[in-house]
C-alpha atoms as a PDB file:
ATOM      1  CA  MET A   1      -9.734  22.300  30.783  1.00  0.00           C
ATOM      2  CA  GLN A   2      -6.543  20.343  30.041  1.00  0.00           C
ATOM      3  CA  PRO A   3      -6.938  17.323  27.759  1.00  0.00           C
ATOM      4  CA  ILE A   4      -6.782  13.889  29.374  1.00  0.00           C
ATOM      5  CA  PHE A   5      -5.107  11.730  26.748  1.00  0.00           C
ATOM      6  CA  VAL A   6      -6.053   8.101  26.158  1.00  0.00           C
ATOM      7  CA  LEU A   7      -3.439   6.680  23.776  1.00  0.00           C
ATOM      8  CA  VAL A   8      -4.738   3.582  21.980  1.00  0.00           C
ATOM      9  CA  HIS A   9      -2.190   1.412  20.203  1.00  0.00           C
ATOM     10  CA  SER A  10      -2.843  -0.797  17.218  1.00  0.00           C
ATOM     11  CA  PRO A  11      -3.729  -4.341  18.332  1.00  0.00           C
ATOM     12  CA  SER A  12      -1.097  -5.498  15.830  1.00  0.00           C
ATOM     13  CA  VAL A  13       1.651  -4.120  18.091  1.00  0.00           C
ATOM     14  CA  GLY A  14       1.621  -3.135  21.770  1.00  0.00           C
ATOM     15  CA  PRO A  15       1.418  -0.260  24.271  1.00  0.00           C
ATOM     16  CA  SER A  16       5.166   0.408  24.206  1.00  0.00           C
ATOM     17  CA  THR A  17       4.585   2.167  20.874  1.00  0.00           C
ATOM     18  CA  TRP A  18       2.890   4.931  22.912  1.00  0.00           C
ATOM     19  CA  HIS A  19       5.005   4.924  26.087  1.00  0.00           C
ATOM     20  CA  PRO A  20       7.590   7.518  24.940  1.00  0.00           C
ATOM     21  CA  VAL A  21       4.815   9.960  23.975  1.00  0.00           C
ATOM     22  CA  ALA A  22       3.031   9.281  27.263  1.00  0.00           C
ATOM     23  CA  GLU A  23       6.212  10.168  29.146  1.00  0.00           C
ATOM     24  CA  HIS A  24       6.511  13.506  27.335  1.00  0.00           C
ATOM     25  CA  LEU A  25       2.850  14.366  27.916  1.00  0.00           C
ATOM     26  CA  THR A  26       3.093  13.431  31.592  1.00  0.00           C
ATOM     27  CA  ALA A  27       6.222  15.545  32.000  1.00  0.00           C
ATOM     28  CA  ALA A  28       4.299  18.461  30.483  1.00  0.00           C
ATOM     29  CA  GLY A  29       1.611  18.086  33.156  1.00  0.00           C
ATOM     30  CA  TYR A  30      -1.071  16.144  31.282  1.00  0.00           C
ATOM     31  CA  GLN A  31      -2.958  13.122  32.517  1.00  0.00           C
ATOM     32  CA  VAL A  32      -2.347  10.131  30.239  1.00  0.00           C
ATOM     33  CA  ARG A  33      -3.663   6.577  30.082  1.00  0.00           C
ATOM     34  CA  VAL A  34      -2.292   3.867  27.763  1.00  0.00           C
ATOM     35  CA  PRO A  35      -4.637   0.858  27.614  1.00  0.00           C
ATOM     36  CA  SER A  36      -3.131  -2.507  26.709  1.00  0.00           C
ATOM     37  CA  LEU A  37      -4.850  -4.405  23.900  1.00  0.00           C
ATOM     38  CA  LEU A  38      -2.410  -7.300  23.920  1.00  0.00           C
ATOM     39  CA  ASN A  39      -5.035  -9.913  24.842  1.00  0.00           C
ATOM     40  CA  VAL A  40      -7.792  -8.958  22.400  1.00  0.00           C
ATOM     41  CA  GLY A  41      -6.836 -11.774  20.002  1.00  0.00           C
ATOM     42  CA  ALA A  42      -7.507 -14.502  22.558  1.00  0.00           C
ATOM     43  CA  GLY A  43     -10.515 -16.769  22.162  1.00  0.00           C
ATOM     44  CA  ALA A  44     -13.067 -16.684  19.395  1.00  0.00           C
ATOM     45  CA  PRO A  45     -14.367 -13.689  17.413  1.00  0.00           C
ATOM     46  CA  PRO A  46     -15.773 -11.083  17.558  1.00  0.00           C
ATOM     47  CA  PHE A  47     -12.709  -9.308  18.876  1.00  0.00           C
ATOM     48  CA  TRP A  48     -13.813  -5.668  18.770  1.00  0.00           C
ATOM     49  CA  PRO A  49     -15.801  -5.833  22.057  1.00  0.00           C
ATOM     50  CA  ARG A  50     -12.560  -6.784  23.855  1.00  0.00           C
ATOM     51  CA  VAL A  51     -10.899  -3.648  22.488  1.00  0.00           C
ATOM     52  CA  VAL A  52     -13.789  -1.528  23.764  1.00  0.00           C
ATOM     53  CA  ASN A  53     -13.721  -3.236  27.170  1.00  0.00           C
ATOM     54  CA  ALA A  54      -9.949  -2.821  27.554  1.00  0.00           C
ATOM     55  CA  VAL A  55     -10.134   0.916  26.855  1.00  0.00           C
ATOM     56  CA  ARG A  56     -13.229   1.386  29.039  1.00  0.00           C
ATOM     57  CA  ASP A  57     -11.560  -0.409  31.959  1.00  0.00           C
ATOM     58  CA  GLU A  58      -8.505   1.837  31.666  1.00  0.00           C
ATOM     59  CA  VAL A  59     -10.570   5.023  31.374  1.00  0.00           C
ATOM     60  CA  ARG A  60     -12.513   4.130  34.526  1.00  0.00           C
ATOM     61  CA  GLN A  61      -9.394   5.164  36.434  1.00  0.00           C
ATOM     62  CA  ILE A  62     -10.135   8.742  35.324  1.00  0.00           C
ATOM     63  CA  PRO A  63     -12.600  10.683  37.518  1.00  0.00           C
ATOM     64  CA  ALA A  64     -16.208  10.266  36.383  1.00  0.00           C
ATOM     65  CA  GLY A  65     -17.459  13.038  34.115  1.00  0.00           C
ATOM     66  CA  SER A  66     -13.982  14.136  33.026  1.00  0.00           C
ATOM     67  CA  PRO A  67     -13.808  14.514  29.221  1.00  0.00           C
ATOM     68  CA  VAL A  68     -11.081  12.511  27.504  1.00  0.00           C
ATOM     69  CA  THR A  69      -9.134  12.871  24.269  1.00  0.00           C
ATOM     70  CA  LEU A  70      -8.968   9.584  22.374  1.00  0.00           C
ATOM     71  CA  VAL A  71      -5.825   9.079  20.287  1.00  0.00           C
ATOM     72  CA  ALA A  72      -5.682   6.062  17.962  1.00  0.00           C
ATOM     73  CA  HIS A  73      -2.682   4.871  15.979  1.00  0.00           C
ATOM     74  CA  SER A  74      -2.770   2.708  12.834  1.00  0.00           C
ATOM     75  CA  ASN A  75      -5.664   0.231  12.706  1.00  0.00           C
ATOM     76  CA  ALA A  76      -6.802   1.262  16.176  1.00  0.00           C
ATOM     77  CA  GLY A  77      -8.523   4.047  14.252  1.00  0.00           C
ATOM     78  CA  LEU A  78     -11.055   1.516  12.959  1.00  0.00           C
ATOM     79  CA  PHE A  79     -12.180   0.807  16.529  1.00  0.00           C
ATOM     80  CA  LEU A  80     -12.532   4.424  17.611  1.00  0.00           C
ATOM     81  CA  PRO A  81     -16.296   4.789  16.923  1.00  0.00           C
ATOM     82  CA  ALA A  82     -17.059   1.645  18.950  1.00  0.00           C
ATOM     83  CA  ILE A  83     -14.690   2.778  21.717  1.00  0.00           C
ATOM     84  CA  ARG A  84     -16.252   6.231  21.852  1.00  0.00           C
ATOM     85  CA  SER A  85     -19.764   4.755  22.063  1.00  0.00           C
ATOM     86  CA  GLY A  86     -18.731   2.256  24.741  1.00  0.00           C
ATOM     87  CA  LEU A  87     -17.211   4.764  27.177  1.00  0.00           C
ATOM     88  CA  ASP A  88     -18.897   6.099  30.281  1.00  0.00           C
ATOM     89  CA  HIS A  89     -16.832   9.295  30.011  1.00  0.00           C
ATOM     90  CA  PRO A  90     -17.559  12.141  27.593  1.00  0.00           C
ATOM     91  CA  VAL A  91     -15.134  12.441  24.665  1.00  0.00           C
ATOM     92  CA  ALA A  92     -13.826  15.930  23.898  1.00  0.00           C
ATOM     93  CA  ASP A  93     -11.612  15.025  20.928  1.00  0.00           C
ATOM     94  CA  SER A  94     -10.618  12.077  18.775  1.00  0.00           C
ATOM     95  CA  ILE A  95      -7.234  12.180  17.073  1.00  0.00           C
ATOM     96  CA  PHE A  96      -6.251   9.645  14.410  1.00  0.00           C
ATOM     97  CA  VAL A  97      -2.464   9.214  14.140  1.00  0.00           C
ATOM     98  CA  ASP A  98      -1.233   7.690  10.875  1.00  0.00           C
ATOM     99  CA  ALA A  99      -4.411   5.670  11.167  1.00  0.00           C
ATOM    100  CA  ALA A 100      -6.984   3.878   9.089  1.00  0.00           C
ATOM    101  CA  LEU A 101     -10.359   5.608   9.099  1.00  0.00           C
ATOM    102  CA  PRO A 102     -13.642   3.930  10.006  1.00  0.00           C
ATOM    103  CA  ALA A 103     -16.475   3.839   7.501  1.00  0.00           C
ATOM    104  CA  ARG A 104     -18.865   6.769   7.705  1.00  0.00           C
ATOM    105  CA  ILE A 105     -21.802   4.451   8.491  1.00  0.00           C
ATOM    106  CA  GLY A 106     -22.545   0.754   8.948  1.00  0.00           C
ATOM    107  CA  SER A 107     -19.432  -1.280   9.703  1.00  0.00           C
ATOM    108  CA  THR A 108     -15.746  -1.259   8.853  1.00  0.00           C
ATOM    109  CA  PRO A 109     -13.740  -4.276   7.649  1.00  0.00           C
ATOM    110  CA  VAL A 110     -10.399  -4.531   9.418  1.00  0.00           C
ATOM    111  CA  ALA A 111      -8.757  -5.639   6.174  1.00  0.00           C
ATOM    112  CA  SER A 112      -9.673  -5.449   2.514  1.00  0.00           C
ATOM    113  CA  PRO A 113     -10.243  -8.672   0.536  1.00  0.00           C
ATOM    114  CA  GLU A 114      -6.934  -8.105  -1.267  1.00  0.00           C
ATOM    115  CA  PHE A 115      -5.024  -7.693   1.982  1.00  0.00           C
ATOM    116  CA  LEU A 116      -6.645 -10.802   3.451  1.00  0.00           C
ATOM    117  CA  GLU A 117      -5.512 -12.797   0.429  1.00  0.00           C
ATOM    118  CA  TRP A 118      -1.972 -11.567   1.074  1.00  0.00           C
ATOM    119  CA  LEU A 119      -2.183 -12.521   4.772  1.00  0.00           C
ATOM    120  CA  ARG A 120      -3.710 -15.997   4.458  1.00  0.00           C
ATOM    121  CA  PRO A 121      -0.571 -17.847   3.266  1.00  0.00           C
ATOM    122  CA  MET A 122       1.289 -16.559   6.349  1.00  0.00           C
ATOM    123  CA  ALA A 123      -1.144 -18.089   8.846  1.00  0.00           C
ATOM    124  CA  VAL A 124      -0.126 -21.257  10.690  1.00  0.00           C
ATOM    125  CA  ASN A 125      -2.956 -23.043  12.472  1.00  0.00           C
ATOM    126  CA  GLY A 126      -5.026 -19.908  12.025  1.00  0.00           C
ATOM    127  CA  ARG A 127      -2.515 -17.518  13.601  1.00  0.00           C
ATOM    128  CA  LEU A 128      -0.274 -14.964  11.930  1.00  0.00           C
ATOM    129  CA  PRO A 129       3.356 -14.096  12.652  1.00  0.00           C
ATOM    130  CA  ARG A 130       4.137 -10.929  14.557  1.00  0.00           C
ATOM    131  CA  TRP A 131       3.437  -7.782  12.546  1.00  0.00           C
ATOM    132  CA  THR A 132       7.112  -6.837  12.081  1.00  0.00           C
ATOM    133  CA  ASP A 133       7.761 -10.327  10.671  1.00  0.00           C
ATOM    134  CA  TRP A 134       5.440  -9.629   7.753  1.00  0.00           C
ATOM    135  CA  TRP A 135       7.855  -7.201   6.140  1.00  0.00           C
ATOM    136  CA  ASP A 136      11.396  -7.088   4.808  1.00  0.00           C
ATOM    137  CA  GLU A 137      14.135  -5.741   7.060  1.00  0.00           C
ATOM    138  CA  ALA A 138      14.515  -2.750   4.737  1.00  0.00           C
ATOM    139  CA  ASP A 139      10.924  -1.788   5.555  1.00  0.00           C
ATOM    140  CA  VAL A 140      11.096  -2.485   9.287  1.00  0.00           C
ATOM    141  CA  ALA A 141      14.442  -0.967  10.322  1.00  0.00           C
ATOM    142  CA  PRO A 142      13.615   2.701   9.502  1.00  0.00           C
ATOM    143  CA  MET A 143      10.642   2.596  11.891  1.00  0.00           C
ATOM    144  CA  PHE A 144      12.877   2.238  14.961  1.00  0.00           C
ATOM    145  CA  ALA A 145      15.208   4.669  16.665  1.00  0.00           C
ATOM    146  CA  GLY A 146      17.496   1.989  18.128  1.00  0.00           C
ATOM    147  CA  SER A 147      17.882  -1.630  19.116  1.00  0.00           C
ATOM    148  CA  VAL A 148      16.512  -1.209  22.659  1.00  0.00           C
ATOM    149  CA  VAL A 149      13.278   0.382  21.502  1.00  0.00           C
ATOM    150  CA  ARG A 150      12.962  -2.106  18.666  1.00  0.00           C
ATOM    151  CA  GLN A 151      13.424  -5.060  21.010  1.00  0.00           C
ATOM    152  CA  ALA A 152      10.711  -3.779  23.359  1.00  0.00           C
ATOM    153  CA  VAL A 153       8.216  -3.262  20.532  1.00  0.00           C
ATOM    154  CA  VAL A 154       8.999  -6.523  18.738  1.00  0.00           C
ATOM    155  CA  GLU A 155       8.941  -8.747  21.821  1.00  0.00           C
ATOM    156  CA  GLU A 156       5.527  -7.604  23.053  1.00  0.00           C
ATOM    157  CA  GLN A 157       3.772  -7.998  19.694  1.00  0.00           C
ATOM    158  CA  PRO A 158       0.933 -10.538  19.699  1.00  0.00           C
ATOM    159  CA  THR A 159       0.481 -13.279  17.126  1.00  0.00           C
ATOM    160  CA  LEU A 160      -3.065 -12.419  16.146  1.00  0.00           C
ATOM    161  CA  PRO A 161      -5.467 -14.894  14.566  1.00  0.00           C
ATOM    162  CA  LEU A 162      -6.280 -14.394  10.909  1.00  0.00           C
ATOM    163  CA  SER A 163      -9.924 -14.058  12.022  1.00  0.00           C
ATOM    164  CA  TYR A 164      -9.012 -10.795  13.756  1.00  0.00           C
ATOM    165  CA  TYR A 165      -8.406  -9.277  10.314  1.00  0.00           C
ATOM    166  CA  GLU A 166     -11.586 -10.854   8.931  1.00  0.00           C
ATOM    167  CA  GLN A 167     -13.856  -9.076  11.403  1.00  0.00           C
ATOM    168  CA  HIS A 168     -16.133  -6.102  10.748  1.00  0.00           C
ATOM    169  CA  ILE A 169     -16.371  -3.389  13.394  1.00  0.00           C
ATOM    170  CA  PRO A 170     -19.679  -1.553  13.899  1.00  0.00           C
ATOM    171  CA  VAL A 171     -19.808   2.195  13.359  1.00  0.00           C
ATOM    172  CA  PRO A 172     -22.463   3.570  15.743  1.00  0.00           C
ATOM    173  CA  GLY A 173     -24.365   6.546  14.392  1.00  0.00           C
ATOM    174  CA  GLY A 174     -23.349   9.913  15.811  1.00  0.00           C
ATOM    175  CA  TRP A 175     -19.998   8.708  17.130  1.00  0.00           C
ATOM    176  CA  ASP A 176     -18.252  11.782  15.608  1.00  0.00           C
ATOM    177  CA  ASP A 177     -20.369  14.356  17.443  1.00  0.00           C
ATOM    178  CA  HIS A 178     -17.192  15.967  18.774  1.00  0.00           C
ATOM    179  CA  ALA A 179     -13.968  17.418  17.356  1.00  0.00           C
ATOM    180  CA  CYS A 180     -11.976  14.954  15.240  1.00  0.00           C
ATOM    181  CA  SER A 181      -8.549  15.475  13.687  1.00  0.00           C
ATOM    182  CA  TYR A 182      -5.761  13.601  11.902  1.00  0.00           C
ATOM    183  CA  LEU A 183      -1.987  13.525  12.371  1.00  0.00           C
ATOM    184  CA  LEU A 184      -0.199  12.137   9.315  1.00  0.00           C
ATOM    185  CA  PHE A 185       3.309  10.721   9.407  1.00  0.00           C
ATOM    186  CA  GLY A 186       3.549   9.621   5.788  1.00  0.00           C
ATOM    187  CA  PRO A 187       2.755   7.020   3.111  1.00  0.00           C
ATOM    188  CA  PRO A 188       0.737   4.870   2.829  1.00  0.00           C
ATOM    189  CA  TYR A 189      -1.594   6.971   5.016  1.00  0.00           C
ATOM    190  CA  ASP A 190      -1.817   9.968   2.676  1.00  0.00           C
ATOM    191  CA  ASP A 191      -5.238   8.876   1.418  1.00  0.00           C
ATOM    192  CA  PRO A 192      -6.818   8.615   4.894  1.00  0.00           C
ATOM    193  CA  ALA A 193      -5.430  12.082   5.641  1.00  0.00           C
ATOM    194  CA  VAL A 194      -7.093  13.416   2.484  1.00  0.00           C
ATOM    195  CA  GLU A 195     -10.361  11.765   3.472  1.00  0.00           C
ATOM    196  CA  ALA A 196     -10.098  13.218   6.980  1.00  0.00           C
ATOM    197  CA  ARG A 197      -9.797  16.684   5.459  1.00  0.00           C
ATOM    198  CA  GLU A 198     -12.825  15.934   3.262  1.00  0.00           C
ATOM    199  CA  ARG A 199     -14.754  15.065   6.420  1.00  0.00           C
ATOM    200  CA  GLY A 200     -13.982  18.543   7.688  1.00  0.00           C
ATOM    201  CA  TRP A 201     -11.373  17.460  10.211  1.00  0.00           C
ATOM    202  CA  ARG A 202      -8.200  19.352  10.947  1.00  0.00           C
ATOM    203  CA  VAL A 203      -5.119  17.611   9.497  1.00  0.00           C
ATOM    204  CA  ALA A 204      -1.502  18.053  10.626  1.00  0.00           C
ATOM    205  CA  HIS A 205       1.667  16.514   9.166  1.00  0.00           C
ATOM    206  CA  LEU A 206       4.734  15.339  11.084  1.00  0.00           C
ATOM    207  CA  PRO A 207       6.893  13.626   8.438  1.00  0.00           C
ATOM    208  CA  GLY A 208       8.164  10.192   9.365  1.00  0.00           C
ATOM    209  CA  ALA A 209       7.669   6.432   9.119  1.00  0.00           C
ATOM    210  CA  HIS A 210       4.650   4.589  10.523  1.00  0.00           C
ATOM    211  CA  LEU A 211       6.031   4.307  14.081  1.00  0.00           C
ATOM    212  CA  HIS A 212       7.328   7.868  14.123  1.00  0.00           C
ATOM    213  CA  GLN A 213       5.876   8.416  17.588  1.00  0.00           C
ATOM    214  CA  ILE A 214       8.716   6.302  19.041  1.00  0.00           C
ATOM    215  CA  ILE A 215      11.360   8.164  17.013  1.00  0.00           C
ATOM    216  CA  ASP A 216      10.053  11.668  17.747  1.00  0.00           C
ATOM    217  CA  PRO A 217       7.872  11.386  20.849  1.00  0.00           C
ATOM    218  CA  ALA A 218       8.384  15.044  21.748  1.00  0.00           C
ATOM    219  CA  GLY A 219       7.191  16.242  18.347  1.00  0.00           C
ATOM    220  CA  THR A 220       4.271  13.824  18.400  1.00  0.00           C
ATOM    221  CA  ALA A 221       3.263  14.987  21.864  1.00  0.00           C
ATOM    222  CA  ARG A 222       3.380  18.633  20.780  1.00  0.00           C
ATOM    223  CA  HIS A 223       1.116  17.924  17.808  1.00  0.00           C
ATOM    224  CA  LEU A 224      -1.366  16.003  19.978  1.00  0.00           C
ATOM    225  CA  VAL A 225      -1.583  18.880  22.427  1.00  0.00           C
ATOM    226  CA  GLU A 226      -2.067  21.375  19.614  1.00  0.00           C
ATOM    227  CA  LEU A 227      -4.771  19.290  17.938  1.00  0.00           C
ATOM    228  CA  ALA A 228      -6.570  18.646  21.205  1.00  0.00           C
ATOM    229  CA  THR A 229      -6.579  22.275  22.271  1.00  0.00           C
ATOM    230  CA  THR A 230      -7.464  23.868  18.935  1.00  0.00           C
ATOM    231  CA  THR A 231     -10.126  21.546  17.512  1.00  0.00           C
END
């Protein structure tokens, strides 16, 4: 059975970070859904149930009983156990793409205490700047293939509340009862890739910066298909 891909973007950015890959997968004959998580930072915490609900609502457009392949980029990886447990559809595969890994049991903090201390001075009235505004231009520019793509990604980014990064996401027991794998682009996600291998997952490497899926969507799509069909 062909994989049905559900491409989950980091809540720090937006769905356009997956659209080029979705186009390549669709052209190759695969069904693809790209949920939008742009509104998960609205209102008061906890925020993780809104992520689960947004993905579940999108997946409901897929015929009941059809297995899906969950693909999570960046810190969307932290939500994957809760997403998997909240779906009505069976999950055939989970693929983490240059992503943070959830804790093995218990709950996962979205940010470490050290990272929170770095973020706090940026917050204005409890809200943070857009993710690309956190970094120097020398760090941001290499992640984009051109000005048009960059403009689309930058303009749709949410200004998340600091409390989003202070939340802990539950890790339901048995969430990884299916094939899991990891696609690494590069630093600083080498350590999660090593841990994924230690968990017994298949690990692939497509060298690039953190948003490499918008620079090489064809290569990313090929790796996703390979990981989904061989795990």
